Protein backbone atom coordinates (compact mmCIF):
# COMPACT_ATOMS: atom_id res chain seq x y z
CA MET A 1 128.09 85.23 110.98
CA LYS A 2 130.80 87.53 110.00
CA TYR A 3 131.38 88.34 106.26
CA THR A 4 134.33 90.13 104.73
CA GLY A 5 134.49 91.97 101.39
CA GLY A 6 135.72 94.94 99.56
CA CYS A 7 136.22 96.68 96.29
CA HIS A 8 137.69 95.35 93.14
CA CYS A 9 141.29 96.53 93.60
CA GLY A 10 141.38 95.58 97.22
CA ASN A 11 142.22 98.99 98.55
CA VAL A 12 138.79 99.02 100.62
CA ARG A 13 138.09 96.15 102.99
CA PHE A 14 135.25 95.75 105.50
CA GLU A 15 133.50 93.15 107.61
CA VAL A 16 129.82 92.78 108.33
CA GLU A 17 127.83 90.64 110.79
CA ALA A 18 124.55 89.36 109.50
CA SER A 19 122.28 86.26 109.80
CA THR A 20 122.50 83.24 107.79
CA PRO A 21 120.79 82.80 105.24
CA LEU A 22 121.27 86.36 104.10
CA VAL A 23 118.24 88.30 102.87
CA CYS A 24 119.03 91.17 100.66
CA HIS A 25 117.12 93.72 98.47
CA GLU A 26 117.31 94.44 94.82
CA CYS A 27 116.34 97.79 94.22
CA ASN A 28 115.06 99.21 90.72
CA CYS A 29 115.92 102.82 91.27
CA SER A 30 118.11 104.41 88.71
CA ILE A 31 121.50 104.33 90.64
CA CYS A 32 121.09 100.76 92.09
CA SER A 33 119.87 99.17 88.65
CA LYS A 34 122.67 100.82 86.85
CA SER A 35 125.36 99.47 89.25
CA GLY A 36 123.76 96.06 90.02
CA TYR A 37 123.75 96.74 93.73
CA LEU A 38 122.26 94.05 96.11
CA HIS A 39 121.62 95.71 99.45
CA LEU A 40 122.36 94.09 102.71
CA ILE A 41 121.17 96.82 105.26
CA VAL A 42 122.60 96.43 108.78
CA PRO A 43 122.95 98.50 111.83
CA LEU A 44 126.18 100.35 111.87
CA SER A 45 127.24 98.51 114.96
CA GLN A 46 127.36 95.32 112.77
CA TRP A 47 129.74 96.84 110.21
CA ARG A 48 133.41 97.75 110.33
CA LEU A 49 135.78 99.35 107.87
CA LEU A 50 138.92 97.38 107.97
CA ARG A 51 141.00 99.52 105.66
CA GLY A 52 140.86 102.10 102.84
CA GLU A 53 139.18 105.21 104.34
CA GLU A 54 141.75 107.31 102.46
CA SER A 55 140.70 105.53 99.17
CA LEU A 56 136.99 106.49 99.50
CA ALA A 57 135.24 109.22 97.67
CA THR A 58 131.53 110.14 98.21
CA TYR A 59 128.79 110.98 95.72
CA THR A 60 125.34 112.50 96.79
CA PHE A 61 122.43 113.70 94.87
CA GLY A 62 118.82 114.65 95.62
CA SER A 63 118.33 115.11 99.25
CA GLY A 64 121.95 114.47 100.09
CA THR A 65 121.00 112.02 102.73
CA ALA A 66 122.45 109.02 101.08
CA LYS A 67 126.24 108.78 101.07
CA HIS A 68 127.28 106.82 98.12
CA THR A 69 130.82 105.88 98.97
CA PHE A 70 133.09 104.29 96.37
CA CYS A 71 136.80 103.41 95.80
CA ARG A 72 138.63 106.24 94.18
CA SER A 73 141.03 103.67 92.43
CA CYS A 74 138.64 101.04 90.97
CA GLY A 75 135.24 102.84 91.31
CA VAL A 76 133.55 99.95 93.11
CA LYS A 77 130.75 100.93 95.60
CA SER A 78 131.01 98.17 98.05
CA PHE A 79 128.97 99.86 100.90
CA TYR A 80 127.21 103.18 101.54
CA THR A 81 124.82 104.99 103.91
CA PRO A 82 121.28 104.49 102.43
CA ARG A 83 118.74 107.42 102.66
CA SER A 84 116.20 104.84 103.95
CA ASN A 85 118.54 103.87 106.84
CA PRO A 86 120.96 106.76 107.52
CA ASP A 87 121.59 105.16 111.00
CA GLY A 88 122.95 102.08 109.25
CA VAL A 89 124.82 100.90 106.30
CA SER A 90 124.11 99.09 103.10
CA VAL A 91 126.59 96.47 101.95
CA ASN A 92 126.69 95.34 98.34
CA VAL A 93 126.30 91.55 98.73
CA ARG A 94 128.09 91.18 95.37
CA CYS A 95 131.24 92.58 97.16
CA LEU A 96 131.33 89.74 99.78
CA GLU A 97 134.03 87.34 99.45
CA PRO A 98 132.96 84.79 98.76
CA ILE A 99 129.33 85.59 97.92
CA PRO A 100 127.12 83.45 100.19
CA GLU A 101 125.52 80.45 98.65
CA SER A 102 122.39 80.79 100.71
CA LEU A 103 120.85 84.04 99.75
CA THR A 104 117.36 85.42 99.43
CA ILE A 105 116.82 88.40 97.06
CA ASP A 106 113.74 90.53 97.72
CA ALA A 107 112.61 93.02 95.22
CA PHE A 108 112.30 96.72 96.35
CA ASP A 109 110.45 99.19 94.41
CA GLY A 110 112.89 102.13 94.55
CA GLN A 111 111.27 103.83 91.54
CA HIS A 112 108.65 104.72 93.90
CA TRP A 113 110.97 105.24 96.85
CA GLU A 114 108.74 107.73 98.85
CA ALA A 115 105.93 105.24 98.99
CA ASN A 116 108.14 102.27 100.03
CA ALA A 117 111.08 103.50 101.99
CA GLN A 118 109.45 102.60 105.36
CA THR A 119 109.52 99.04 104.54
CA LEU A 120 113.24 99.15 105.00
CA ALA A 121 113.41 101.19 108.17
CA HIS A 122 113.64 98.28 110.58
CA LEU A 123 116.75 96.84 108.92
CA SER A 124 119.13 99.20 110.70
CA GLU A 125 117.71 98.77 114.19
CA ASP A 126 120.18 97.72 116.65
CA SER A 127 118.84 94.66 118.37
CA THR A 128 121.54 94.68 121.11
């Protein structure tokens, strides 16, 4: 199923293809818990930026592998390149419009990222 979404001001829009019902992850690391991010990690081939590339800024920290992209205008991070899946993209389910009614939220212990990251690696594998 294709879902669309974007940032708060509408400058950034994307679409993502994912299964129904959606299974996403709620991470307890400092950046995810402070922003309320719900991760839907997919292969890059299942995601497409529709508009707003010029509106995006990128924040990195630590290893610099994760590319936290956000809208320069409203500050919303609707998607980013996760450190656990640098070959994929993580979409913030809370930025989908509408937010799917059928949704499973699995906990992810990002406070102990090094010990748990491998449990997410399969999510960005392209099955085509």
